[in-house]
Amino acid sequence: MPHPRIASVVAVEPHPDDVEILCLGTLLKLKQEGTRLTIVCVTNGDKGSGNQPDLPYPEVAAMRFREASSVAAALGAEFINLGAEDEYLYDTPELRNALAAVFRRAKADVVLAPSPHCYQTDHTIASEIAFQAAHLSALPQLRITPPALPALPALPSAPAMYYYDTLPGLDFEPSFYVDISGQMARKQELARMHTSQMASMKSQSDWDLVEAIEVLGRMRGLQSGTRYAEAFRLCARYPRLKAWTQFPA
């Protein structure tokens, strides 16, 4: 297999399942090209039981970890959860360093992050943490030492950053689109593995993950002249800009 132009991508999500809805098709394309994939969830998702509101929070978190881990395994990606409390995410030095450590360990070329204009603060703050962690990951004077591991060397430069779409595509002006027509069926199949969220979202919003993926993917495809697409926006700030010879089309 030829060496991929993008060797390592880290996708940051606020909750277990956000990546599946908003950028999984692109990750599937990257995996086909040989790119190393890492999915990092910032919160533990323990409030994601709208259809069963009396479930204990630790039980919900464990269930969602199992679901997200299963999807990542099927994708051929590594799944990491940073364990912050769902619905009460705050930008802290500890979370910045933990995420920067993931970027360093994965040798990330690209970071995919939630939009800074998404629908609730877990999303917008996860976006902010990812933005700063990308910068910190390339500072050699920042000594990041994960528990029981040696210090991780800084990246040679900050990873390029792209923001993925919002739910349901509101307040988001795409810079470019990725055609995922060939990945759509597999994307929906993997999303169904989030059994708890299929039920929870349906009970609260009258739509589930697969319906959201269908509607948003078709809308972005219509905008970009294909059947299904995912939308991204460039993080146009130094030094997170990179010139690529190719991005997955």
C-alpha atoms as a PDB file:
ATOM      1  CA  MET A   1       0.000   0.000   0.000  1.00  0.00           C
ATOM      2  CA  PRO A   2       1.434   3.422  -0.878  1.00  0.00           C
ATOM      3  CA  HIS A   3       2.262   5.707   2.008  1.00  0.00           C
ATOM      4  CA  PRO A   4      -0.814   7.850   2.725  1.00  0.00           C
ATOM      5  CA  ARG A   5      -0.535  11.579   2.246  1.00  0.00           C
ATOM      6  CA  ILE A   6      -2.258  11.963   5.611  1.00  0.00           C
ATOM      7  CA  ALA A   7      -0.651   9.430   7.938  1.00  0.00           C
ATOM      8  CA  SER A   8      -2.550  10.002  11.193  1.00  0.00           C
ATOM      9  CA  VAL A   9      -5.903  11.621  11.965  1.00  0.00           C
ATOM     10  CA  VAL A  10      -7.359  12.228  15.423  1.00  0.00           C
ATOM     11  CA  ALA A  11     -11.110  12.898  15.523  1.00  0.00           C
ATOM     12  CA  VAL A  12     -12.241  14.681  18.692  1.00  0.00           C
ATOM     13  CA  GLU A  13     -15.854  14.303  19.818  1.00  0.00           C
ATOM     14  CA  PRO A  14     -17.735  15.769  22.796  1.00  0.00           C
ATOM     15  CA  HIS A  15     -19.877  12.635  23.290  1.00  0.00           C
ATOM     16  CA  PRO A  16     -19.716   9.016  22.148  1.00  0.00           C
ATOM     17  CA  ASP A  17     -21.493   9.024  18.726  1.00  0.00           C
ATOM     18  CA  ASP A  18     -20.805  12.590  17.463  1.00  0.00           C
ATOM     19  CA  VAL A  19     -18.054  11.388  15.125  1.00  0.00           C
ATOM     20  CA  GLU A  20     -20.386   8.697  13.793  1.00  0.00           C
ATOM     21  CA  ILE A  21     -23.008  11.266  12.820  1.00  0.00           C
ATOM     22  CA  LEU A  22     -20.772  14.003  11.470  1.00  0.00           C
ATOM     23  CA  CYS A  23     -17.520  12.672   9.968  1.00  0.00           C
ATOM     24  CA  LEU A  24     -17.436   8.868   9.983  1.00  0.00           C
ATOM     25  CA  GLY A  25     -17.702   8.602   6.204  1.00  0.00           C
ATOM     26  CA  THR A  26     -14.512  10.601   5.813  1.00  0.00           C
ATOM     27  CA  LEU A  27     -12.775   8.419   8.403  1.00  0.00           C
ATOM     28  CA  LEU A  28     -13.831   5.343   6.432  1.00  0.00           C
ATOM     29  CA  LYS A  29     -12.245   6.828   3.292  1.00  0.00           C
ATOM     30  CA  LEU A  30      -9.062   7.701   5.158  1.00  0.00           C
ATOM     31  CA  LYS A  31      -8.838   4.186   6.585  1.00  0.00           C
ATOM     32  CA  GLN A  32      -9.020   2.784   3.064  1.00  0.00           C
ATOM     33  CA  GLU A  33      -5.970   4.901   2.225  1.00  0.00           C
ATOM     34  CA  GLY A  34      -4.004   3.493   5.162  1.00  0.00           C
ATOM     35  CA  THR A  35      -4.361   6.424   7.550  1.00  0.00           C
ATOM     36  CA  ARG A  36      -4.015   5.741  11.264  1.00  0.00           C
ATOM     37  CA  LEU A  37      -7.265   6.703  13.018  1.00  0.00           C
ATOM     38  CA  THR A  38      -7.827   7.738  16.624  1.00  0.00           C
ATOM     39  CA  ILE A  39     -11.192   8.795  18.066  1.00  0.00           C
ATOM     40  CA  VAL A  40     -11.084  10.761  21.319  1.00  0.00           C
ATOM     41  CA  CYS A  41     -14.252  11.400  23.297  1.00  0.00           C
ATOM     42  CA  VAL A  42     -13.890  14.215  25.804  1.00  0.00           C
ATOM     43  CA  THR A  43     -16.880  13.387  28.042  1.00  0.00           C
ATOM     44  CA  ASN A  44     -18.034  10.043  29.383  1.00  0.00           C
ATOM     45  CA  GLY A  45     -21.540  10.426  27.929  1.00  0.00           C
ATOM     46  CA  ASP A  46     -23.183   9.564  31.239  1.00  0.00           C
ATOM     47  CA  LYS A  47     -26.252  11.765  30.640  1.00  0.00           C
ATOM     48  CA  GLY A  48     -27.173  10.051  27.371  1.00  0.00           C
ATOM     49  CA  SER A  49     -30.203   8.112  28.618  1.00  0.00           C
ATOM     50  CA  GLY A  50     -33.164  10.295  27.725  1.00  0.00           C
ATOM     51  CA  ASN A  51     -35.335   7.251  27.124  1.00  0.00           C
ATOM     52  CA  GLN A  52     -34.363   5.760  30.513  1.00  0.00           C
ATOM     53  CA  PRO A  53     -33.786   8.789  32.740  1.00  0.00           C
ATOM     54  CA  ASP A  54     -33.469   6.790  35.962  1.00  0.00           C
ATOM     55  CA  LEU A  55     -30.482   4.714  34.851  1.00  0.00           C
ATOM     56  CA  PRO A  56     -27.440   5.297  37.117  1.00  0.00           C
ATOM     57  CA  TYR A  57     -24.901   7.581  35.480  1.00  0.00           C
ATOM     58  CA  PRO A  58     -21.970   5.116  35.800  1.00  0.00           C
ATOM     59  CA  GLU A  59     -24.065   2.459  34.057  1.00  0.00           C
ATOM     60  CA  VAL A  60     -24.847   4.826  31.190  1.00  0.00           C
ATOM     61  CA  ALA A  61     -21.182   5.818  30.849  1.00  0.00           C
ATOM     62  CA  ALA A  62     -20.075   2.172  30.767  1.00  0.00           C
ATOM     63  CA  MET A  63     -22.713   1.310  28.155  1.00  0.00           C
ATOM     64  CA  ARG A  64     -21.715   4.179  25.904  1.00  0.00           C
ATOM     65  CA  PHE A  65     -18.026   3.325  26.264  1.00  0.00           C
ATOM     66  CA  ARG A  66     -18.772  -0.216  25.097  1.00  0.00           C
ATOM     67  CA  GLU A  67     -20.758   1.021  22.112  1.00  0.00           C
ATOM     68  CA  ALA A  68     -18.159   3.577  21.023  1.00  0.00           C
ATOM     69  CA  SER A  69     -15.311   1.102  21.492  1.00  0.00           C
ATOM     70  CA  SER A  70     -17.142  -1.453  19.349  1.00  0.00           C
ATOM     71  CA  VAL A  71     -17.601   1.061  16.534  1.00  0.00           C
ATOM     72  CA  ALA A  72     -13.940   2.071  16.678  1.00  0.00           C
ATOM     73  CA  ALA A  73     -12.842  -1.570  16.604  1.00  0.00           C
ATOM     74  CA  ALA A  74     -15.033  -2.217  13.552  1.00  0.00           C
ATOM     75  CA  LEU A  75     -13.549   0.867  11.908  1.00  0.00           C
ATOM     76  CA  GLY A  76      -9.998  -0.148  12.736  1.00  0.00           C
ATOM     77  CA  ALA A  77      -9.454   2.884  14.953  1.00  0.00           C
ATOM     78  CA  GLU A  78      -8.280   3.425  18.500  1.00  0.00           C
ATOM     79  CA  PHE A  79     -10.901   4.792  20.906  1.00  0.00           C
ATOM     80  CA  ILE A  80      -9.922   6.920  23.913  1.00  0.00           C
ATOM     81  CA  ASN A  81     -12.260   8.508  26.462  1.00  0.00           C
ATOM     82  CA  LEU A  82     -10.983  11.407  28.602  1.00  0.00           C
ATOM     83  CA  GLY A  83     -13.821  10.932  31.113  1.00  0.00           C
ATOM     84  CA  ALA A  84     -15.105  14.475  31.721  1.00  0.00           C
ATOM     85  CA  GLU A  85     -18.681  14.784  32.992  1.00  0.00           C
ATOM     86  CA  ASP A  86     -21.337  14.890  30.283  1.00  0.00           C
ATOM     87  CA  GLU A  87     -23.269  18.193  30.017  1.00  0.00           C
ATOM     88  CA  TYR A  88     -20.805  19.981  32.334  1.00  0.00           C
ATOM     89  CA  LEU A  89     -17.634  20.175  30.277  1.00  0.00           C
ATOM     90  CA  TYR A  90     -15.121  22.878  31.157  1.00  0.00           C
ATOM     91  CA  ASP A  91     -11.820  23.826  29.571  1.00  0.00           C
ATOM     92  CA  THR A  92      -9.120  22.823  32.087  1.00  0.00           C
ATOM     93  CA  PRO A  93      -5.327  22.475  31.955  1.00  0.00           C
ATOM     94  CA  GLU A  94      -5.727  18.772  32.683  1.00  0.00           C
ATOM     95  CA  LEU A  95      -7.989  18.174  29.680  1.00  0.00           C
ATOM     96  CA  ARG A  96      -5.812  20.302  27.401  1.00  0.00           C
ATOM     97  CA  ASN A  97      -2.757  18.284  28.367  1.00  0.00           C
ATOM     98  CA  ALA A  98      -4.571  14.950  28.130  1.00  0.00           C
ATOM     99  CA  LEU A  99      -5.713  15.727  24.600  1.00  0.00           C
ATOM    100  CA  ALA A 100      -2.325  17.135  23.587  1.00  0.00           C
ATOM    101  CA  ALA A 101      -0.805  13.869  24.831  1.00  0.00           C
ATOM    102  CA  VAL A 102      -3.130  11.919  22.531  1.00  0.00           C
ATOM    103  CA  PHE A 103      -2.086  14.095  19.575  1.00  0.00           C
ATOM    104  CA  ARG A 104       1.570  13.505  20.386  1.00  0.00           C
ATOM    105  CA  ARG A 105       1.215   9.753  20.858  1.00  0.00           C
ATOM    106  CA  ALA A 106      -0.763   9.406  17.633  1.00  0.00           C
ATOM    107  CA  LYS A 107       1.708  11.652  15.759  1.00  0.00           C
ATOM    108  CA  ALA A 108      -1.352  13.466  14.427  1.00  0.00           C
ATOM    109  CA  ASP A 109      -1.152  15.169  11.050  1.00  0.00           C
ATOM    110  CA  VAL A 110      -4.805  16.239  11.138  1.00  0.00           C
ATOM    111  CA  VAL A 111      -7.305  16.939  13.910  1.00  0.00           C
ATOM    112  CA  LEU A 112     -11.033  16.838  13.175  1.00  0.00           C
ATOM    113  CA  ALA A 113     -12.955  18.767  15.819  1.00  0.00           C
ATOM    114  CA  PRO A 114     -16.513  19.911  16.536  1.00  0.00           C
ATOM    115  CA  SER A 115     -17.584  23.296  15.279  1.00  0.00           C
ATOM    116  CA  PRO A 116     -17.170  26.220  17.706  1.00  0.00           C
ATOM    117  CA  HIS A 117     -20.778  27.120  16.776  1.00  0.00           C
ATOM    118  CA  CYS A 118     -22.516  23.838  17.561  1.00  0.00           C
ATOM    119  CA  TYR A 119     -25.703  23.456  19.558  1.00  0.00           C
ATOM    120  CA  GLN A 120     -24.500  23.122  23.165  1.00  0.00           C
ATOM    121  CA  THR A 121     -21.453  23.920  25.257  1.00  0.00           C
ATOM    122  CA  ASP A 122     -20.004  20.409  25.475  1.00  0.00           C
ATOM    123  CA  HIS A 123     -19.506  20.745  21.709  1.00  0.00           C
ATOM    124  CA  THR A 124     -18.194  24.310  21.699  1.00  0.00           C
ATOM    125  CA  ILE A 125     -15.850  23.739  24.640  1.00  0.00           C
ATOM    126  CA  ALA A 126     -14.538  20.465  23.184  1.00  0.00           C
ATOM    127  CA  SER A 127     -13.790  22.507  20.064  1.00  0.00           C
ATOM    128  CA  GLU A 128     -11.891  25.064  22.161  1.00  0.00           C
ATOM    129  CA  ILE A 129      -9.931  22.364  24.004  1.00  0.00           C
ATOM    130  CA  ALA A 130      -8.974  20.720  20.705  1.00  0.00           C
ATOM    131  CA  PHE A 131      -7.892  24.069  19.267  1.00  0.00           C
ATOM    132  CA  GLN A 132      -5.529  24.765  22.140  1.00  0.00           C
ATOM    133  CA  ALA A 133      -4.324  21.165  22.507  1.00  0.00           C
ATOM    134  CA  ALA A 134      -3.228  21.163  18.869  1.00  0.00           C
ATOM    135  CA  HIS A 135      -1.016  24.153  19.673  1.00  0.00           C
ATOM    136  CA  LEU A 136       0.323  22.636  22.904  1.00  0.00           C
ATOM    137  CA  SER A 137       1.168  19.347  21.214  1.00  0.00           C
ATOM    138  CA  ALA A 138       3.962  21.050  19.256  1.00  0.00           C
ATOM    139  CA  LEU A 139       5.560  22.989  22.130  1.00  0.00           C
ATOM    140  CA  PRO A 140       8.777  21.198  23.166  1.00  0.00           C
ATOM    141  CA  GLN A 141       8.929  23.189  26.411  1.00  0.00           C
ATOM    142  CA  LEU A 142       5.590  21.666  27.472  1.00  0.00           C
ATOM    143  CA  ARG A 143       6.466  18.447  29.285  1.00  0.00           C
ATOM    144  CA  ILE A 144       3.513  16.079  29.047  1.00  0.00           C
ATOM    145  CA  THR A 145       3.948  12.816  30.919  1.00  0.00           C
ATOM    146  CA  PRO A 146       0.982  10.417  30.893  1.00  0.00           C
ATOM    147  CA  PRO A 147       0.604   8.224  34.015  1.00  0.00           C
ATOM    148  CA  ALA A 148       3.149   5.388  34.163  1.00  0.00           C
ATOM    149  CA  LEU A 149       4.594   6.392  30.788  1.00  0.00           C
ATOM    150  CA  PRO A 150       7.686   8.337  29.709  1.00  0.00           C
ATOM    151  CA  ALA A 151       7.330  11.933  28.587  1.00  0.00           C
ATOM    152  CA  LEU A 152       6.000  12.289  25.060  1.00  0.00           C
ATOM    153  CA  PRO A 153       8.114  14.286  22.600  1.00  0.00           C
ATOM    154  CA  ALA A 154       6.478  17.304  20.994  1.00  0.00           C
ATOM    155  CA  LEU A 155       5.198  17.089  17.437  1.00  0.00           C
ATOM    156  CA  PRO A 156       7.343  18.827  14.806  1.00  0.00           C
ATOM    157  CA  SER A 157       4.429  21.166  14.048  1.00  0.00           C
ATOM    158  CA  ALA A 158       0.843  21.657  15.178  1.00  0.00           C
ATOM    159  CA  PRO A 159      -1.628  19.349  13.421  1.00  0.00           C
ATOM    160  CA  ALA A 160      -3.846  20.834  10.747  1.00  0.00           C
ATOM    161  CA  MET A 161      -7.379  21.378  12.056  1.00  0.00           C
ATOM    162  CA  TYR A 162     -10.731  21.014  10.356  1.00  0.00           C
ATOM    163  CA  TYR A 163     -14.117  21.498  11.980  1.00  0.00           C
ATOM    164  CA  TYR A 164     -16.792  18.979  11.093  1.00  0.00           C
ATOM    165  CA  ASP A 165     -20.472  19.792  10.635  1.00  0.00           C
ATOM    166  CA  THR A 166     -23.066  20.797  13.221  1.00  0.00           C
ATOM    167  CA  LEU A 167     -26.401  19.234  14.094  1.00  0.00           C
ATOM    168  CA  PRO A 168     -28.416  19.603  11.886  1.00  0.00           C
ATOM    169  CA  GLY A 169     -26.107  21.667   9.683  1.00  0.00           C
ATOM    170  CA  LEU A 170     -27.083  24.993  11.299  1.00  0.00           C
ATOM    171  CA  ASP A 171     -24.723  27.985  11.655  1.00  0.00           C
ATOM    172  CA  PHE A 172     -22.051  26.188   9.626  1.00  0.00           C
ATOM    173  CA  GLU A 173     -20.576  27.470   6.370  1.00  0.00           C
ATOM    174  CA  PRO A 174     -18.525  24.654   4.808  1.00  0.00           C
ATOM    175  CA  SER A 175     -15.095  25.271   3.301  1.00  0.00           C
ATOM    176  CA  PHE A 176     -15.203  21.959   1.433  1.00  0.00           C
ATOM    177  CA  TYR A 177     -17.113  18.700   1.160  1.00  0.00           C
ATOM    178  CA  VAL A 178     -16.057  15.060   1.082  1.00  0.00           C
ATOM    179  CA  ASP A 179     -18.064  12.703  -1.130  1.00  0.00           C
ATOM    180  CA  ILE A 180     -19.096   9.749   1.053  1.00  0.00           C
ATOM    181  CA  SER A 181     -21.615   8.171  -1.312  1.00  0.00           C
ATOM    182  CA  GLY A 182     -19.625   4.937  -1.342  1.00  0.00           C
ATOM    183  CA  GLN A 183     -19.300   4.907   2.463  1.00  0.00           C
ATOM    184  CA  MET A 184     -22.868   5.843   3.393  1.00  0.00           C
ATOM    185  CA  ALA A 185     -24.253   2.356   3.961  1.00  0.00           C
ATOM    186  CA  ARG A 186     -21.305   1.366   6.150  1.00  0.00           C
ATOM    187  CA  LYS A 187     -21.504   4.646   8.074  1.00  0.00           C
ATOM    188  CA  GLN A 188     -25.157   3.986   8.924  1.00  0.00           C
ATOM    189  CA  GLU A 189     -24.421   0.359   9.786  1.00  0.00           C
ATOM    190  CA  LEU A 190     -21.761   1.401  12.291  1.00  0.00           C
ATOM    191  CA  ALA A 191     -23.991   4.121  13.757  1.00  0.00           C
ATOM    192  CA  ARG A 192     -26.634   1.500  14.549  1.00  0.00           C
ATOM    193  CA  MET A 193     -24.142  -0.070  16.956  1.00  0.00           C
ATOM    194  CA  HIS A 194     -24.944   2.833  19.307  1.00  0.00           C
ATOM    195  CA  THR A 195     -28.078   1.007  20.414  1.00  0.00           C
ATOM    196  CA  SER A 196     -28.654   3.178  23.468  1.00  0.00           C
ATOM    197  CA  GLN A 197     -28.461   6.405  21.471  1.00  0.00           C
ATOM    198  CA  MET A 198     -30.702   5.140  18.691  1.00  0.00           C
ATOM    199  CA  ALA A 199     -33.398   4.783  21.363  1.00  0.00           C
ATOM    200  CA  SER A 200     -32.503   7.873  23.396  1.00  0.00           C
ATOM    201  CA  MET A 201     -32.513  10.290  20.471  1.00  0.00           C
ATOM    202  CA  LYS A 202     -35.750   8.879  19.098  1.00  0.00           C
ATOM    203  CA  SER A 203     -37.456   9.402  22.454  1.00  0.00           C
ATOM    204  CA  GLN A 204     -36.327  13.017  22.740  1.00  0.00           C
ATOM    205  CA  SER A 205     -36.127  14.327  19.175  1.00  0.00           C
ATOM    206  CA  ASP A 206     -38.243  11.927  17.075  1.00  0.00           C
ATOM    207  CA  TRP A 207     -35.179  11.084  14.991  1.00  0.00           C
ATOM    208  CA  ASP A 208     -32.316   8.673  15.517  1.00  0.00           C
ATOM    209  CA  LEU A 209     -28.668   8.533  14.446  1.00  0.00           C
ATOM    210  CA  VAL A 210     -29.355   6.827  11.129  1.00  0.00           C
ATOM    211  CA  GLU A 211     -32.092   9.305  10.183  1.00  0.00           C
ATOM    212  CA  ALA A 212     -29.848  12.252  11.071  1.00  0.00           C
ATOM    213  CA  ILE A 213     -27.020  10.799   8.999  1.00  0.00           C
ATOM    214  CA  GLU A 214     -29.350  10.286   6.021  1.00  0.00           C
ATOM    215  CA  VAL A 215     -30.848  13.770   6.099  1.00  0.00           C
ATOM    216  CA  LEU A 216     -27.628  15.695   6.731  1.00  0.00           C
ATOM    217  CA  GLY A 217     -25.607  13.590   4.289  1.00  0.00           C
ATOM    218  CA  ARG A 218     -28.180  14.071   1.537  1.00  0.00           C
ATOM    219  CA  MET A 219     -28.399  17.821   2.158  1.00  0.00           C
ATOM    220  CA  ARG A 220     -24.622  18.241   1.962  1.00  0.00           C
ATOM    221  CA  GLY A 221     -24.538  15.987  -1.085  1.00  0.00           C
ATOM    222  CA  LEU A 222     -27.167  18.144  -2.806  1.00  0.00           C
ATOM    223  CA  GLN A 223     -25.093  21.244  -2.076  1.00  0.00           C
ATOM    224  CA  SER A 224     -21.913  19.717  -3.491  1.00  0.00           C
ATOM    225  CA  GLY A 225     -23.190  17.831  -6.532  1.00  0.00           C
ATOM    226  CA  THR A 226     -23.058  14.270  -5.259  1.00  0.00           C
ATOM    227  CA  ARG A 227     -25.402  11.821  -3.552  1.00  0.00           C
ATOM    228  CA  TYR A 228     -24.020  12.040   0.001  1.00  0.00           C
ATOM    229  CA  ALA A 229     -21.322  14.260   1.475  1.00  0.00           C
ATOM    230  CA  GLU A 230     -19.813  15.434   4.748  1.00  0.00           C
ATOM    231  CA  ALA A 231     -19.028  19.102   5.266  1.00  0.00           C
ATOM    232  CA  PHE A 232     -15.923  20.598   6.867  1.00  0.00           C
ATOM    233  CA  ARG A 233     -14.624  24.046   7.640  1.00  0.00           C
ATOM    234  CA  LEU A 234     -10.979  24.988   7.674  1.00  0.00           C
ATOM    235  CA  CYS A 235      -9.517  26.265  10.935  1.00  0.00           C
ATOM    236  CA  ALA A 236      -7.731  29.139   9.232  1.00  0.00           C
ATOM    237  CA  ARG A 237      -5.357  30.081  12.014  1.00  0.00           C
ATOM    238  CA  TYR A 238      -1.594  29.815  12.197  1.00  0.00           C
ATOM    239  CA  PRO A 239       0.054  27.355  12.658  1.00  0.00           C
ATOM    240  CA  ARG A 240      -2.821  24.949  12.061  1.00  0.00           C
ATOM    241  CA  LEU A 241      -2.850  25.517   8.303  1.00  0.00           C
ATOM    242  CA  LYS A 242      -1.230  22.937   6.047  1.00  0.00           C
ATOM    243  CA  ALA A 243      -0.831  22.591   2.287  1.00  0.00           C
ATOM    244  CA  TRP A 244      -1.833  19.057   1.217  1.00  0.00           C
ATOM    245  CA  THR A 245      -1.278  17.426  -2.118  1.00  0.00           C
ATOM    246  CA  GLN A 246      -4.608  15.678  -1.661  1.00  0.00           C
ATOM    247  CA  PHE A 247      -7.545  15.486   0.771  1.00  0.00           C
ATOM    248  CA  PRO A 248      -9.938  12.535   0.426  1.00  0.00           C
ATOM    249  CA  ALA A 249     -12.415  13.349  -2.328  1.00  0.00           C
END
